[in-house]
Amino acid sequence: MTADERLDSLRFKHASLEREIEAEVHRPLPDELHLAELKREKLRIKDEMAVQE
């Protein structure tokens, strides 16, 4: 996998997590633990993207 492909993959995962977070937030009773895990993973991916760029 090239660096550009890796970065594209990370961007896709980041956007996917953003959609999942938005869906969770708008549920009647959001699962706060799951929401925290999603946000933590999104931040990890963002940090990895910064290293790749």
C-alpha atoms as a PDB file:
ATOM      1  CA  MET A   1       0.000   0.000   0.000  1.00  0.00           C
ATOM      2  CA  THR A   2       1.434   3.363  -0.987  1.00  0.00           C
ATOM      3  CA  ALA A   3       1.496   6.355   1.340  1.00  0.00           C
ATOM      4  CA  ASP A   4      -1.302   8.025  -0.652  1.00  0.00           C
ATOM      5  CA  GLU A   5      -3.449   4.902  -0.460  1.00  0.00           C
ATOM      6  CA  ARG A   6      -2.837   4.682   3.290  1.00  0.00           C
ATOM      7  CA  LEU A   7      -3.815   8.323   3.737  1.00  0.00           C
ATOM      8  CA  ASP A   8      -6.974   7.821   1.650  1.00  0.00           C
ATOM      9  CA  SER A   9      -7.858   4.805   3.781  1.00  0.00           C
ATOM     10  CA  LEU A  10      -7.386   6.808   6.975  1.00  0.00           C
ATOM     11  CA  ARG A  11      -9.525   9.643   5.608  1.00  0.00           C
ATOM     12  CA  PHE A  12     -12.278   7.171   4.738  1.00  0.00           C
ATOM     13  CA  LYS A  13     -12.180   5.659   8.247  1.00  0.00           C
ATOM     14  CA  HIS A  14     -12.180   9.135   9.809  1.00  0.00           C
ATOM     15  CA  ALA A  15     -15.253  10.184   7.794  1.00  0.00           C
ATOM     16  CA  SER A  16     -16.982   6.899   8.603  1.00  0.00           C
ATOM     17  CA  LEU A  17     -16.391   7.406  12.316  1.00  0.00           C
ATOM     18  CA  GLU A  18     -17.728  10.965  12.053  1.00  0.00           C
ATOM     19  CA  ARG A  19     -20.963   9.621  10.537  1.00  0.00           C
ATOM     20  CA  GLU A  20     -21.212   6.953  13.231  1.00  0.00           C
ATOM     21  CA  ILE A  21     -20.667   9.555  15.956  1.00  0.00           C
ATOM     22  CA  GLU A  22     -23.359  11.809  14.485  1.00  0.00           C
ATOM     23  CA  ALA A  23     -25.809   8.900  14.335  1.00  0.00           C
ATOM     24  CA  GLU A  24     -25.084   7.979  17.956  1.00  0.00           C
ATOM     25  CA  VAL A  25     -25.441  11.567  19.178  1.00  0.00           C
ATOM     26  CA  HIS A  26     -28.868  11.896  17.573  1.00  0.00           C
ATOM     27  CA  ARG A  27     -30.275   8.702  19.088  1.00  0.00           C
ATOM     28  CA  PRO A  28     -32.859   9.219  21.840  1.00  0.00           C
ATOM     29  CA  LEU A  29     -30.508   7.701  24.454  1.00  0.00           C
ATOM     30  CA  PRO A  30     -26.932   7.802  23.139  1.00  0.00           C
ATOM     31  CA  ASP A  31     -24.528   5.230  24.546  1.00  0.00           C
ATOM     32  CA  GLU A  32     -21.929   7.494  26.150  1.00  0.00           C
ATOM     33  CA  LEU A  33     -19.333   4.731  26.481  1.00  0.00           C
ATOM     34  CA  HIS A  34     -19.612   3.781  22.817  1.00  0.00           C
ATOM     35  CA  LEU A  35     -19.531   7.468  21.873  1.00  0.00           C
ATOM     36  CA  ALA A  36     -16.312   7.985  23.845  1.00  0.00           C
ATOM     37  CA  GLU A  37     -14.731   4.957  22.140  1.00  0.00           C
ATOM     38  CA  LEU A  38     -15.693   6.276  18.707  1.00  0.00           C
ATOM     39  CA  LYS A  39     -14.252   9.710  19.484  1.00  0.00           C
ATOM     40  CA  ARG A  40     -11.044   8.183  20.819  1.00  0.00           C
ATOM     41  CA  GLU A  41     -10.633   6.096  17.656  1.00  0.00           C
ATOM     42  CA  LYS A  42     -11.374   9.120  15.466  1.00  0.00           C
ATOM     43  CA  LEU A  43      -8.685  11.108  17.282  1.00  0.00           C
ATOM     44  CA  ARG A  44      -6.196   8.241  16.922  1.00  0.00           C
ATOM     45  CA  ILE A  45      -6.822   8.165  13.181  1.00  0.00           C
ATOM     46  CA  LYS A  46      -6.514  11.950  12.948  1.00  0.00           C
ATOM     47  CA  ASP A  47      -3.134  11.757  14.684  1.00  0.00           C
ATOM     48  CA  GLU A  48      -2.017   8.996  12.322  1.00  0.00           C
ATOM     49  CA  MET A  49      -3.132  11.080   9.343  1.00  0.00           C
ATOM     50  CA  ALA A  50      -1.022  13.999  10.602  1.00  0.00           C
ATOM     51  CA  VAL A  51       2.023  11.735  10.692  1.00  0.00           C
ATOM     52  CA  GLN A  52       1.329  10.455   7.146  1.00  0.00           C
ATOM     53  CA  GLU A  53       0.996  13.944   5.634  1.00  0.00           C
END
